[in-house]
N, C-alpha and C. Protein backbone atom coordinates (compact mmCIF):
# COMPACT_ATOMS: atom_id res chain seq x y z
N MET A 1 38.90 2.25 -1.39
CA MET A 1 37.65 2.06 -2.09
C MET A 1 36.67 3.13 -1.61
N ARG A 2 36.04 3.80 -2.56
CA ARG A 2 35.01 4.80 -2.23
C ARG A 2 33.63 4.17 -2.35
N ILE A 3 32.82 4.41 -1.32
CA ILE A 3 31.47 3.84 -1.27
C ILE A 3 30.48 4.98 -1.07
N LEU A 4 29.48 5.05 -1.94
CA LEU A 4 28.39 6.00 -1.78
C LEU A 4 27.17 5.24 -1.30
N GLY A 5 26.70 5.58 -0.11
CA GLY A 5 25.47 5.01 0.42
C GLY A 5 24.31 5.94 0.13
N ILE A 6 23.17 5.36 -0.21
CA ILE A 6 21.98 6.15 -0.54
C ILE A 6 20.79 5.66 0.28
N ASP A 7 20.09 6.61 0.90
CA ASP A 7 18.79 6.37 1.53
C ASP A 7 17.76 6.99 0.60
N PRO A 8 17.07 6.18 -0.23
CA PRO A 8 16.24 6.73 -1.29
C PRO A 8 14.94 7.36 -0.81
N GLY A 9 14.54 8.38 -1.52
CA GLY A 9 13.28 9.06 -1.31
C GLY A 9 13.12 10.12 -2.38
N THR A 10 11.90 10.53 -2.66
CA THR A 10 11.70 11.54 -3.71
C THR A 10 11.70 12.96 -3.16
N ALA A 11 11.25 13.14 -1.93
CA ALA A 11 11.29 14.48 -1.33
C ALA A 11 12.67 14.75 -0.75
N ILE A 12 13.24 13.74 -0.08
CA ILE A 12 14.57 13.84 0.52
C ILE A 12 15.32 12.55 0.22
N MET A 13 16.50 12.67 -0.39
CA MET A 13 17.35 11.51 -0.63
C MET A 13 18.65 11.73 0.14
N GLY A 14 18.90 10.85 1.10
CA GLY A 14 20.14 10.95 1.87
C GLY A 14 21.30 10.32 1.13
N PHE A 15 22.49 10.93 1.30
CA PHE A 15 23.68 10.35 0.70
C PHE A 15 24.83 10.41 1.70
N GLY A 16 25.71 9.44 1.60
CA GLY A 16 26.90 9.40 2.45
C GLY A 16 28.04 8.77 1.69
N LEU A 17 29.11 9.52 1.51
CA LEU A 17 30.28 9.04 0.78
C LEU A 17 31.40 8.77 1.77
N ILE A 18 31.89 7.53 1.77
CA ILE A 18 32.98 7.16 2.66
C ILE A 18 34.12 6.53 1.86
N GLU A 19 35.28 6.51 2.48
CA GLU A 19 36.46 5.85 1.93
C GLU A 19 36.80 4.69 2.86
N LYS A 20 37.01 3.52 2.28
CA LYS A 20 37.44 2.36 3.07
C LYS A 20 38.87 2.05 2.69
N ASN A 21 39.74 2.09 3.70
CA ASN A 21 41.16 1.77 3.53
C ASN A 21 41.49 0.70 4.56
N GLY A 22 41.60 -0.54 4.16
CA GLY A 22 41.75 -1.63 5.12
C GLY A 22 40.49 -1.71 5.96
N ASN A 23 40.64 -1.61 7.28
CA ASN A 23 39.48 -1.60 8.17
C ASN A 23 39.05 -0.19 8.56
N LYS A 24 39.74 0.82 8.06
CA LYS A 24 39.46 2.21 8.43
C LYS A 24 38.42 2.81 7.49
N LEU A 25 37.39 3.42 8.08
CA LEU A 25 36.35 4.11 7.32
C LEU A 25 36.46 5.60 7.59
N THR A 26 36.45 6.40 6.53
CA THR A 26 36.57 7.85 6.64
C THR A 26 35.45 8.52 5.86
N VAL A 27 34.80 9.49 6.48
CA VAL A 27 33.74 10.24 5.80
C VAL A 27 34.36 11.24 4.82
N LEU A 28 33.85 11.25 3.61
CA LEU A 28 34.27 12.23 2.62
C LEU A 28 33.21 13.32 2.43
N ASP A 29 31.94 12.92 2.47
CA ASP A 29 30.84 13.88 2.29
C ASP A 29 29.53 13.20 2.69
N TYR A 30 28.58 13.98 3.13
CA TYR A 30 27.24 13.46 3.40
C TYR A 30 26.25 14.60 3.43
N GLY A 31 24.99 14.26 3.30
CA GLY A 31 23.93 15.26 3.33
C GLY A 31 22.67 14.71 2.70
N CYS A 32 21.84 15.63 2.21
CA CYS A 32 20.57 15.26 1.57
C CYS A 32 20.35 16.11 0.33
N TRP A 33 19.72 15.49 -0.62
CA TRP A 33 19.23 16.22 -1.79
C TRP A 33 17.73 16.30 -1.64
N ARG A 34 17.20 17.50 -1.78
CA ARG A 34 15.77 17.74 -1.58
C ARG A 34 15.13 18.21 -2.88
N THR A 35 13.88 17.83 -3.06
CA THR A 35 13.12 18.31 -4.20
C THR A 35 11.92 19.08 -3.70
N GLY A 36 11.48 20.04 -4.46
CA GLY A 36 10.37 20.89 -4.05
C GLY A 36 9.03 20.18 -4.13
N ALA A 37 8.20 20.44 -3.15
CA ALA A 37 6.86 19.84 -3.11
C ALA A 37 6.01 20.32 -4.28
N ASP A 38 6.39 21.45 -4.87
CA ASP A 38 5.63 22.00 -5.99
C ASP A 38 5.95 21.30 -7.31
N LEU A 39 6.96 20.44 -7.34
CA LEU A 39 7.35 19.74 -8.55
C LEU A 39 6.48 18.50 -8.77
N SER A 40 6.29 18.16 -10.04
CA SER A 40 5.58 16.92 -10.35
C SER A 40 6.49 15.74 -9.99
N ALA A 41 5.90 14.56 -9.92
CA ALA A 41 6.68 13.36 -9.60
C ALA A 41 7.80 13.18 -10.62
N ALA A 42 7.50 13.38 -11.88
CA ALA A 42 8.51 13.21 -12.94
C ALA A 42 9.64 14.23 -12.78
N ASP A 43 9.29 15.47 -12.46
CA ASP A 43 10.31 16.50 -12.29
C ASP A 43 11.17 16.25 -11.05
N ARG A 44 10.57 15.70 -10.01
CA ARG A 44 11.35 15.34 -8.81
C ARG A 44 12.37 14.27 -9.15
N LEU A 45 11.93 13.24 -9.87
CA LEU A 45 12.84 12.16 -10.25
C LEU A 45 13.95 12.66 -11.18
N LEU A 46 13.60 13.54 -12.10
CA LEU A 46 14.61 14.12 -13.00
C LEU A 46 15.63 14.94 -12.21
N ALA A 47 15.16 15.73 -11.26
CA ALA A 47 16.08 16.54 -10.45
C ALA A 47 17.02 15.64 -9.65
N LEU A 48 16.49 14.58 -9.06
CA LEU A 48 17.33 13.65 -8.30
C LEU A 48 18.33 12.95 -9.21
N TYR A 49 17.88 12.53 -10.37
CA TYR A 49 18.77 11.87 -11.32
C TYR A 49 19.92 12.80 -11.71
N ASN A 50 19.60 14.03 -12.07
CA ASN A 50 20.64 14.99 -12.48
C ASN A 50 21.63 15.27 -11.35
N THR A 51 21.11 15.46 -10.14
CA THR A 51 21.97 15.73 -8.99
C THR A 51 22.89 14.55 -8.69
N LEU A 52 22.31 13.35 -8.68
CA LEU A 52 23.10 12.15 -8.41
C LEU A 52 24.13 11.91 -9.51
N SER A 53 23.74 12.08 -10.76
CA SER A 53 24.67 11.89 -11.87
C SER A 53 25.85 12.84 -11.76
N ASP A 54 25.56 14.10 -11.44
CA ASP A 54 26.64 15.08 -11.27
C ASP A 54 27.56 14.68 -10.12
N PHE A 55 26.98 14.25 -9.01
CA PHE A 55 27.76 13.83 -7.84
C PHE A 55 28.67 12.65 -8.20
N LEU A 56 28.12 11.67 -8.92
CA LEU A 56 28.90 10.51 -9.32
C LEU A 56 30.05 10.91 -10.25
N SER A 57 29.80 11.86 -11.14
CA SER A 57 30.84 12.33 -12.07
C SER A 57 31.97 13.05 -11.34
N ILE A 58 31.64 13.75 -10.28
CA ILE A 58 32.64 14.50 -9.51
C ILE A 58 33.44 13.60 -8.58
N HIS A 59 32.76 12.71 -7.86
CA HIS A 59 33.39 11.94 -6.78
C HIS A 59 33.85 10.53 -7.18
N HIS A 60 33.34 10.00 -8.26
CA HIS A 60 33.76 8.69 -8.78
C HIS A 60 33.81 7.57 -7.74
N PRO A 61 32.68 7.29 -7.05
CA PRO A 61 32.72 6.17 -6.11
C PRO A 61 32.90 4.84 -6.86
N ASP A 62 33.57 3.91 -6.22
CA ASP A 62 33.75 2.58 -6.79
C ASP A 62 32.49 1.74 -6.63
N HIS A 63 31.83 1.96 -5.50
CA HIS A 63 30.63 1.19 -5.16
C HIS A 63 29.49 2.13 -4.79
N LEU A 64 28.29 1.71 -5.14
CA LEU A 64 27.08 2.43 -4.74
C LEU A 64 26.22 1.44 -3.98
N ALA A 65 25.91 1.76 -2.73
CA ALA A 65 25.09 0.89 -1.90
C ALA A 65 23.78 1.61 -1.60
N VAL A 66 22.68 0.93 -1.83
CA VAL A 66 21.37 1.55 -1.66
C VAL A 66 20.50 0.67 -0.77
N GLU A 67 19.70 1.33 0.04
CA GLU A 67 18.77 0.57 0.89
C GLU A 67 17.67 0.01 0.01
N SER A 68 17.40 -1.28 0.15
CA SER A 68 16.35 -1.90 -0.66
C SER A 68 14.98 -1.61 -0.06
N LEU A 69 13.99 -1.81 -0.88
CA LEU A 69 12.62 -1.53 -0.47
C LEU A 69 12.19 -2.59 0.54
N PHE A 70 11.52 -2.15 1.58
CA PHE A 70 11.01 -3.07 2.59
C PHE A 70 9.51 -2.96 2.58
N PHE A 71 8.85 -3.92 3.20
CA PHE A 71 7.40 -3.90 3.27
C PHE A 71 6.93 -2.63 3.94
N ASN A 72 5.99 -1.99 3.34
CA ASN A 72 5.44 -0.75 3.88
C ASN A 72 3.94 -0.79 3.73
N SER A 73 3.21 -0.52 4.79
CA SER A 73 1.75 -0.55 4.72
C SER A 73 1.20 0.64 3.93
N ASN A 74 2.02 1.68 3.76
CA ASN A 74 1.61 2.83 2.98
C ASN A 74 2.07 2.62 1.54
N VAL A 75 1.14 2.21 0.67
CA VAL A 75 1.45 1.87 -0.71
C VAL A 75 2.02 3.07 -1.47
N LYS A 76 1.48 4.25 -1.22
CA LYS A 76 1.97 5.44 -1.92
C LYS A 76 3.44 5.71 -1.59
N THR A 77 3.82 5.59 -0.33
CA THR A 77 5.21 5.78 0.09
C THR A 77 6.10 4.72 -0.56
N ALA A 78 5.65 3.47 -0.55
CA ALA A 78 6.44 2.38 -1.13
C ALA A 78 6.67 2.63 -2.62
N LEU A 79 5.66 3.12 -3.32
CA LEU A 79 5.82 3.38 -4.76
C LEU A 79 6.80 4.51 -5.02
N THR A 80 6.73 5.59 -4.26
CA THR A 80 7.64 6.71 -4.51
C THR A 80 9.08 6.34 -4.14
N VAL A 81 9.26 5.58 -3.07
CA VAL A 81 10.61 5.12 -2.71
C VAL A 81 11.14 4.19 -3.80
N GLY A 82 10.28 3.34 -4.33
CA GLY A 82 10.68 2.46 -5.42
C GLY A 82 11.10 3.24 -6.66
N GLN A 83 10.40 4.32 -6.95
CA GLN A 83 10.77 5.16 -8.09
C GLN A 83 12.13 5.82 -7.85
N ALA A 84 12.35 6.30 -6.64
CA ALA A 84 13.63 6.93 -6.31
C ALA A 84 14.76 5.91 -6.40
N ARG A 85 14.52 4.69 -5.95
CA ARG A 85 15.52 3.64 -6.06
C ARG A 85 15.86 3.36 -7.52
N GLY A 86 14.84 3.39 -8.39
CA GLY A 86 15.07 3.17 -9.82
C GLY A 86 16.00 4.23 -10.40
N VAL A 87 15.81 5.46 -9.98
CA VAL A 87 16.69 6.55 -10.42
C VAL A 87 18.12 6.29 -9.96
N VAL A 88 18.28 5.88 -8.71
CA VAL A 88 19.61 5.61 -8.15
C VAL A 88 20.28 4.47 -8.92
N LEU A 89 19.55 3.39 -9.16
CA LEU A 89 20.12 2.24 -9.87
C LEU A 89 20.51 2.61 -11.29
N LEU A 90 19.67 3.39 -11.97
CA LEU A 90 19.97 3.83 -13.33
C LEU A 90 21.21 4.71 -13.38
N ALA A 91 21.27 5.72 -12.53
CA ALA A 91 22.42 6.63 -12.52
C ALA A 91 23.70 5.88 -12.18
N GLY A 92 23.64 4.98 -11.21
CA GLY A 92 24.81 4.20 -10.84
C GLY A 92 25.27 3.29 -11.96
N ALA A 93 24.34 2.63 -12.63
CA ALA A 93 24.69 1.75 -13.74
C ALA A 93 25.30 2.54 -14.89
N GLN A 94 24.75 3.71 -15.18
CA GLN A 94 25.30 4.53 -16.26
C GLN A 94 26.72 5.00 -15.97
N LYS A 95 27.04 5.20 -14.69
CA LYS A 95 28.39 5.64 -14.32
C LYS A 95 29.30 4.45 -14.00
N GLU A 96 28.79 3.24 -14.26
CA GLU A 96 29.54 2.00 -14.09
C GLU A 96 30.01 1.76 -12.65
N CYS A 97 29.17 2.14 -11.70
CA CYS A 97 29.43 1.83 -10.29
C CYS A 97 29.04 0.38 -10.03
N ARG A 98 29.73 -0.26 -9.12
CA ARG A 98 29.30 -1.57 -8.64
C ARG A 98 28.18 -1.29 -7.65
N ILE A 99 27.04 -1.93 -7.87
CA ILE A 99 25.85 -1.61 -7.09
C ILE A 99 25.48 -2.77 -6.18
N ALA A 100 25.20 -2.43 -4.92
CA ALA A 100 24.75 -3.42 -3.93
C ALA A 100 23.51 -2.88 -3.24
N GLU A 101 22.63 -3.78 -2.87
CA GLU A 101 21.39 -3.40 -2.17
C GLU A 101 21.32 -4.14 -0.85
N TYR A 102 20.89 -3.43 0.19
CA TYR A 102 20.80 -4.00 1.52
C TYR A 102 19.45 -3.66 2.15
N THR A 103 18.88 -4.63 2.83
CA THR A 103 17.63 -4.38 3.56
C THR A 103 17.94 -3.58 4.82
N PRO A 104 16.95 -2.93 5.38
CA PRO A 104 17.17 -2.24 6.66
C PRO A 104 17.70 -3.19 7.74
N LEU A 105 17.23 -4.41 7.75
CA LEU A 105 17.69 -5.40 8.72
C LEU A 105 19.19 -5.68 8.55
N GLN A 106 19.64 -5.83 7.30
CA GLN A 106 21.06 -6.07 7.04
C GLN A 106 21.91 -4.87 7.46
N VAL A 107 21.41 -3.67 7.20
CA VAL A 107 22.15 -2.46 7.57
C VAL A 107 22.31 -2.39 9.09
N LYS A 108 21.22 -2.60 9.81
CA LYS A 108 21.27 -2.55 11.28
C LYS A 108 22.20 -3.63 11.83
N GLN A 109 22.12 -4.82 11.25
CA GLN A 109 22.98 -5.92 11.70
C GLN A 109 24.45 -5.58 11.50
N ALA A 110 24.79 -5.00 10.35
CA ALA A 110 26.18 -4.68 10.04
C ALA A 110 26.71 -3.51 10.87
N VAL A 111 25.85 -2.54 11.16
CA VAL A 111 26.30 -1.32 11.86
C VAL A 111 26.24 -1.47 13.38
N VAL A 112 25.16 -2.06 13.86
CA VAL A 112 24.95 -2.16 15.31
C VAL A 112 25.23 -3.56 15.85
N GLY A 113 25.04 -4.57 14.99
CA GLY A 113 25.20 -5.94 15.44
C GLY A 113 23.88 -6.56 15.85
N TYR A 114 22.78 -5.81 15.66
CA TYR A 114 21.46 -6.27 16.05
C TYR A 114 20.47 -5.76 15.01
N GLY A 115 19.79 -6.68 14.32
CA GLY A 115 18.91 -6.33 13.22
C GLY A 115 17.66 -5.55 13.57
N LYS A 116 17.33 -5.51 14.87
CA LYS A 116 16.14 -4.77 15.27
C LYS A 116 16.50 -3.52 16.08
N ALA A 117 17.72 -3.03 15.86
CA ALA A 117 18.17 -1.82 16.56
C ALA A 117 17.28 -0.64 16.18
N ASP A 118 17.13 0.30 17.11
CA ASP A 118 16.33 1.49 16.79
C ASP A 118 17.22 2.55 16.13
N LYS A 119 16.56 3.58 15.64
CA LYS A 119 17.25 4.64 14.90
C LYS A 119 18.36 5.31 15.71
N LYS A 120 18.13 5.53 16.98
CA LYS A 120 19.14 6.18 17.84
C LYS A 120 20.39 5.31 17.98
N GLN A 121 20.20 4.01 18.10
CA GLN A 121 21.35 3.09 18.21
C GLN A 121 22.17 3.11 16.92
N VAL A 122 21.49 3.12 15.77
CA VAL A 122 22.18 3.17 14.48
C VAL A 122 22.94 4.48 14.36
N GLN A 123 22.30 5.58 14.71
CA GLN A 123 22.96 6.89 14.62
C GLN A 123 24.18 6.97 15.53
N PHE A 124 24.07 6.44 16.73
CA PHE A 124 25.20 6.43 17.67
C PHE A 124 26.38 5.67 17.07
N MET A 125 26.10 4.50 16.49
CA MET A 125 27.17 3.68 15.92
C MET A 125 27.76 4.31 14.66
N VAL A 126 26.95 4.97 13.85
CA VAL A 126 27.46 5.69 12.67
C VAL A 126 28.48 6.73 13.14
N ARG A 127 28.09 7.51 14.13
CA ARG A 127 29.00 8.54 14.68
C ARG A 127 30.28 7.91 15.20
N ALA A 128 30.15 6.83 15.97
CA ALA A 128 31.31 6.17 16.58
C ALA A 128 32.21 5.52 15.53
N LEU A 129 31.63 4.79 14.60
CA LEU A 129 32.43 4.08 13.60
C LEU A 129 33.17 5.01 12.65
N LEU A 130 32.60 6.20 12.44
CA LEU A 130 33.23 7.16 11.53
C LEU A 130 34.06 8.21 12.26
N GLY A 131 34.09 8.12 13.59
CA GLY A 131 34.89 9.05 14.37
C GLY A 131 34.41 10.49 14.30
N LEU A 132 33.10 10.66 14.22
CA LEU A 132 32.51 12.00 14.13
C LEU A 132 32.22 12.54 15.53
N SER A 133 32.25 13.84 15.68
CA SER A 133 31.98 14.44 16.99
C SER A 133 30.49 14.53 17.29
N VAL A 134 29.68 14.52 16.25
CA VAL A 134 28.22 14.59 16.41
C VAL A 134 27.56 13.60 15.46
N VAL A 135 26.31 13.26 15.75
CA VAL A 135 25.53 12.40 14.87
C VAL A 135 25.22 13.19 13.60
N PRO A 136 25.45 12.60 12.44
CA PRO A 136 25.15 13.30 11.19
C PRO A 136 23.66 13.65 11.10
N GLN A 137 23.38 14.83 10.63
CA GLN A 137 22.01 15.30 10.46
C GLN A 137 21.80 15.73 9.02
N PRO A 138 20.62 15.64 8.50
CA PRO A 138 19.43 15.05 9.07
C PRO A 138 19.49 13.51 9.10
N ASP A 139 18.43 12.90 9.59
CA ASP A 139 18.39 11.44 9.74
C ASP A 139 18.67 10.71 8.44
N ASP A 140 18.20 11.27 7.31
CA ASP A 140 18.40 10.62 6.02
C ASP A 140 19.88 10.50 5.69
N ALA A 141 20.67 11.49 6.06
CA ALA A 141 22.12 11.45 5.82
C ALA A 141 22.76 10.38 6.70
N ALA A 142 22.35 10.30 7.97
CA ALA A 142 22.88 9.26 8.86
C ALA A 142 22.51 7.87 8.35
N ASP A 143 21.29 7.73 7.84
CA ASP A 143 20.85 6.45 7.29
C ASP A 143 21.69 6.07 6.06
N ALA A 144 21.99 7.04 5.21
CA ALA A 144 22.80 6.78 4.02
C ALA A 144 24.22 6.37 4.41
N LEU A 145 24.78 7.03 5.41
CA LEU A 145 26.10 6.65 5.91
C LEU A 145 26.07 5.23 6.47
N ALA A 146 24.98 4.86 7.13
CA ALA A 146 24.85 3.50 7.67
C ALA A 146 24.85 2.48 6.53
N VAL A 147 24.20 2.80 5.43
CA VAL A 147 24.19 1.90 4.27
C VAL A 147 25.61 1.76 3.72
N ALA A 148 26.33 2.86 3.62
CA ALA A 148 27.72 2.82 3.14
C ALA A 148 28.60 2.00 4.08
N ILE A 149 28.43 2.18 5.39
CA ILE A 149 29.19 1.42 6.38
C ILE A 149 28.88 -0.07 6.24
N CYS A 150 27.61 -0.39 6.08
CA CYS A 150 27.19 -1.78 5.90
C CYS A 150 27.94 -2.39 4.73
N HIS A 151 27.97 -1.69 3.62
CA HIS A 151 28.67 -2.22 2.45
C HIS A 151 30.17 -2.34 2.72
N GLY A 152 30.72 -1.36 3.40
CA GLY A 152 32.14 -1.41 3.74
C GLY A 152 32.48 -2.61 4.61
N HIS A 153 31.58 -2.96 5.52
CA HIS A 153 31.81 -4.12 6.39
C HIS A 153 31.59 -5.43 5.65
N CYS A 154 30.66 -5.43 4.72
CA CYS A 154 30.30 -6.66 4.01
C CYS A 154 31.22 -6.97 2.84
N CYS A 155 31.88 -5.95 2.34
CA CYS A 155 32.72 -6.11 1.15
C CYS A 155 34.15 -6.39 1.58
N ARG A 156 34.65 -7.56 1.26
CA ARG A 156 35.97 -7.97 1.73
C ARG A 156 37.10 -7.49 0.82
N SER A 157 36.99 -7.71 -0.46
CA SER A 157 38.13 -7.41 -1.33
C SER A 157 37.83 -6.33 -2.35
N GLY A 158 36.68 -5.70 -2.26
CA GLY A 158 36.37 -4.64 -3.20
C GLY A 158 35.58 -5.12 -4.41
N THR A 159 35.19 -6.41 -4.43
CA THR A 159 34.39 -6.90 -5.53
C THR A 159 32.99 -7.19 -5.05
N VAL A 160 32.01 -6.78 -5.82
CA VAL A 160 30.62 -6.94 -5.40
C VAL A 160 30.28 -8.41 -5.18
N GLY A 161 30.85 -9.30 -5.96
CA GLY A 161 30.56 -10.72 -5.81
C GLY A 161 30.92 -11.26 -4.45
N GLU A 162 31.77 -10.56 -3.70
CA GLU A 162 32.15 -11.02 -2.37
C GLU A 162 31.45 -10.25 -1.27
N CYS A 163 30.44 -9.49 -1.61
CA CYS A 163 29.71 -8.72 -0.62
C CYS A 163 28.46 -9.48 -0.20
N ALA A 164 28.23 -9.52 1.07
CA ALA A 164 27.03 -10.19 1.59
C ALA A 164 25.79 -9.44 1.14
N GLY A 165 24.74 -10.13 0.91
CA GLY A 165 23.47 -9.50 0.59
C GLY A 165 23.36 -9.06 -0.85
N VAL A 166 24.29 -9.45 -1.70
CA VAL A 166 24.22 -9.05 -3.10
C VAL A 166 23.86 -10.22 -3.95
């Protein structure tokens, strides 16, 4: 089963593609898609949509896991992350991916075993669980891989209905 994890954002969107075979998780690709600060909000969303759609067409993930919006005291940040999430959900639905959403607490619990783990602990476990020699960079890519790992751990038989948090 191929799982694409997404850490949504309009300036930087992290992605992590993994393969789950039994209990084994293997990294296929990860990184970030960036949009220019000179672009309008609409053009940033369009660029992200086009990039994600192309990626989905090439890699054909079975599942798309995205970090859900959490409470944020910065309303502007919350709105732009929400817009980026909308783009991810739309692109995934159009490509007929099974879509799951996880809170940051659920991701930390699944990856580290502790819902209040800090970023360094999550990054360490992402590296360890995927058998990587270094922590994936930038942070957005590591976060996206953590979301994919969370879904891989929560999904028992490959059906979204059996995934925790869905």
